[in-house]
Protein backbone atom coordinates (compact mmCIF):
# COMPACT_ATOMS: atom_id res chain seq x y z
CA UNK A 1 -31.28 -5.44 -27.80
CA UNK A 2 -28.46 -6.55 -26.04
CA UNK A 3 -28.81 -4.71 -22.91
CA UNK A 4 -31.57 -7.89 -21.46
CA UNK A 5 -29.83 -10.93 -23.39
CA UNK A 6 -26.55 -10.02 -21.94
CA UNK A 7 -27.98 -8.68 -18.83
CA UNK A 8 -30.11 -11.81 -17.93
CA UNK A 9 -27.09 -13.68 -19.41
CA UNK A 10 -24.59 -12.47 -16.17
CA UNK A 11 -27.46 -11.82 -13.52
CA UNK A 12 -29.50 -14.70 -13.45
CA UNK A 13 -26.92 -17.23 -12.72
CA UNK A 14 -25.28 -14.93 -10.13
CA UNK A 15 -28.34 -13.87 -8.75
CA UNK A 16 -30.34 -16.85 -8.56
CA UNK A 17 -26.58 -18.80 -6.61
CA UNK A 18 -26.42 -16.29 -3.70
CA UNK A 19 -30.23 -15.29 -3.45
CA UNK A 20 -31.85 -18.56 -4.53
CA UNK A 21 -35.58 -18.11 -6.00
CA UNK A 22 -35.83 -14.11 -4.77
CA UNK A 23 -32.50 -13.86 -7.40
CA UNK A 24 -35.22 -14.08 -10.64
CA UNK A 25 -36.93 -11.73 -9.20
CA UNK A 26 -33.99 -9.06 -8.80
CA UNK A 27 -32.46 -10.23 -11.96
CA UNK A 28 -35.74 -9.07 -13.62
CA UNK A 29 -36.48 -6.15 -11.81
CA UNK A 30 -32.86 -4.78 -12.95
CA UNK A 31 -32.99 -6.29 -16.24
CA UNK A 32 -36.14 -3.93 -16.90
CA UNK A 33 -34.35 -1.24 -15.43
CA UNK A 34 -31.48 -1.89 -17.31
CA UNK A 35 -33.62 -1.98 -20.41
CA UNK A 36 -36.32 0.60 -20.60
CA UNK A 37 -32.65 2.77 -19.41
CA UNK A 38 -31.49 1.48 -22.70
CA UNK A 39 -34.69 2.55 -24.68
CA UNK A 40 -34.41 6.05 -22.58
CA UNK A 41 -31.26 6.81 -23.84
CA UNK A 42 -31.89 5.66 -27.75
CA UNK A 43 -34.75 7.66 -27.64
CA UNK A 44 -32.89 10.48 -26.49
CA UNK A 45 -30.42 10.38 -29.76
CA UNK A 46 -32.96 9.78 -31.94
CA UNK A 47 -35.67 12.78 -30.31
CA UNK A 48 -33.82 15.33 -28.48
CA UNK A 49 -36.34 17.02 -27.59
CA UNK A 50 -38.25 14.80 -25.68
CA UNK A 51 -38.77 15.45 -21.94
CA UNK A 52 -40.87 13.17 -20.06
CA UNK A 53 -42.43 13.95 -16.79
CA UNK A 54 -43.29 11.46 -13.72
CA UNK A 55 -47.01 13.45 -13.92
CA UNK A 56 -46.90 12.44 -17.59
CA UNK A 57 -46.11 9.04 -15.96
CA UNK A 58 -49.26 9.01 -12.54
CA UNK A 59 -51.67 11.49 -14.17
CA UNK A 60 -55.12 10.30 -16.73
CA UNK A 61 -55.67 12.49 -19.29
CA UNK A 62 -59.19 11.99 -21.31
CA UNK A 63 -57.32 9.84 -23.85
CA UNK A 64 -56.10 7.22 -20.51
CA UNK A 65 -59.72 7.84 -19.77
CA UNK A 66 -61.32 7.06 -22.69
CA UNK A 67 -59.47 3.76 -23.08
CA UNK A 68 -59.31 2.70 -19.36
CA UNK A 69 -63.67 3.28 -20.54
CA UNK A 70 -62.79 0.06 -23.89
CA UNK A 71 -60.78 -1.97 -21.06
CA UNK A 72 -64.01 -2.16 -18.62
CA UNK A 73 -66.20 -2.65 -21.42
CA UNK A 74 -64.91 -5.36 -23.78
CA UNK A 75 -64.51 -7.37 -20.35
CA UNK A 76 -67.60 -7.14 -19.36
CA UNK A 77 -69.01 -7.94 -22.52
CA UNK A 78 -66.71 -10.91 -22.24
CA UNK A 79 -68.36 -11.73 -18.67
CA UNK A 80 -71.69 -11.29 -20.78
CA UNK A 81 -71.16 -13.85 -22.63
CA UNK A 82 -69.30 -15.63 -21.09
CA UNK A 83 -72.21 -16.37 -18.78
CA UNK A 84 -74.14 -17.30 -21.62
CA UNK A 85 -72.94 -19.32 -22.69
CA UNK A 86 -72.91 -21.17 -18.76
CA UNK A 87 -76.29 -21.29 -18.40
């Protein structure tokens, strides 16, 4: 939890000063990357055998398809309810 706060406190003022509004975006990307690396480091300490692969991030398995189908179904149901209420 210290990493994102420290990163924001250090980088946000500097990036906003040097890059203006775009600096907020740069700071957000940098803070997110640092936070992700910190979480990965802690996770590797807790689970030494943890080795994620890029394939796992960019491929869909049956569980992913199930969750996507449920999310789409929920969205369609909500749209249907909103359409009925507006009529």
